[in-house]
Amino acid sequence: MLSRLGDAALWAVPAVVLAILPKCPVCFAGWIAVLSGIGVTLPVAASIRWVLVAASVVAMVYLTIRQAARLART
């Protein structure tokens, strides 16, 4: 069973990803180039951005459902 700190960390990761993710594909492509040294095209950057957004939202929905189930048991 995870501790409260572990639970908080699980919630923090998708929230931080959503908070620091650039909103425009051009900025995201630049961000990828600066952090990795790899240049990507705008369509690829837009696709990667949407995958990260979707994964973060799915993670937050999963954590919400898990927390609701845990509260319902008590």
Protein backbone atom coordinates (compact mmCIF):
# COMPACT_ATOMS: atom_id res chain seq x y z
CA MET A 1 0.00 0.00 0.00
CA LEU A 2 1.34 3.40 -0.95
CA SER A 3 1.92 6.02 1.65
CA ARG A 4 0.27 9.43 1.53
CA LEU A 5 3.45 10.88 0.11
CA GLY A 6 3.42 8.25 -2.64
CA ASP A 7 -0.21 9.04 -3.42
CA ALA A 8 0.61 12.74 -3.64
CA ALA A 9 3.49 12.00 -6.00
CA LEU A 10 1.18 9.97 -8.23
CA TRP A 11 -1.17 12.95 -8.49
CA ALA A 12 1.67 15.44 -8.99
CA VAL A 13 3.25 13.86 -12.05
CA PRO A 14 0.34 14.28 -14.51
CA ALA A 15 -0.53 17.67 -13.03
CA VAL A 16 3.02 18.95 -13.51
CA VAL A 17 3.15 17.60 -17.07
CA LEU A 18 -0.06 19.47 -17.92
CA ALA A 19 1.18 22.63 -16.22
CA ILE A 20 4.58 22.87 -17.91
CA LEU A 21 3.57 21.57 -21.34
CA PRO A 22 3.76 24.36 -23.94
CA LYS A 23 0.38 25.14 -25.49
CA CYS A 24 1.46 25.68 -29.11
CA PRO A 25 3.11 23.06 -31.37
CA VAL A 26 5.88 25.47 -32.42
CA CYS A 27 6.88 26.06 -28.81
CA PHE A 28 6.71 22.34 -28.12
CA ALA A 29 8.93 21.56 -31.13
CA GLY A 30 11.44 24.11 -29.85
CA TRP A 31 11.24 22.62 -26.37
CA ILE A 32 12.00 19.14 -27.75
CA ALA A 33 14.92 20.53 -29.79
CA VAL A 34 16.45 22.33 -26.81
CA LEU A 35 16.05 19.43 -24.37
CA SER A 36 17.06 16.58 -26.66
CA GLY A 37 18.89 18.11 -29.59
CA ILE A 38 16.45 16.42 -31.97
CA GLY A 39 14.49 18.56 -34.39
CA VAL A 40 10.93 17.45 -35.09
CA THR A 41 8.37 18.70 -37.56
CA LEU A 42 5.30 20.60 -36.38
CA PRO A 43 2.83 17.76 -37.09
CA VAL A 44 4.99 15.35 -35.08
CA ALA A 45 5.33 17.87 -32.23
CA ALA A 46 1.57 18.41 -32.21
CA SER A 47 0.96 14.65 -32.10
CA ILE A 48 3.42 14.12 -29.26
CA ARG A 49 1.85 17.00 -27.35
CA TRP A 50 -1.66 15.53 -27.70
CA VAL A 51 -0.40 12.11 -26.60
CA LEU A 52 1.13 13.66 -23.47
CA VAL A 53 -2.07 15.59 -22.73
CA ALA A 54 -4.21 12.47 -23.22
CA ALA A 55 -1.91 10.32 -21.08
CA SER A 56 -1.98 12.90 -18.29
CA VAL A 57 -5.77 13.18 -18.39
CA VAL A 58 -6.17 9.39 -18.42
CA ALA A 59 -3.81 9.10 -15.45
CA MET A 60 -5.78 11.71 -13.50
CA VAL A 61 -9.11 10.03 -14.31
CA TYR A 62 -7.69 6.67 -13.21
CA LEU A 63 -6.43 8.16 -9.95
CA THR A 64 -9.81 9.81 -9.35
CA ILE A 65 -11.69 6.54 -9.90
CA ARG A 66 -9.25 4.66 -7.68
CA GLN A 67 -9.63 7.24 -4.91
CA ALA A 68 -13.44 7.16 -5.21
CA ALA A 69 -13.42 3.36 -4.97
CA ARG A 70 -11.13 3.53 -1.95
CA LEU A 71 -13.46 6.03 -0.23
CA ALA A 72 -16.53 3.96 -1.09
CA ARG A 73 -15.01 0.93 0.68
CA THR A 74 -14.62 2.82 3.93
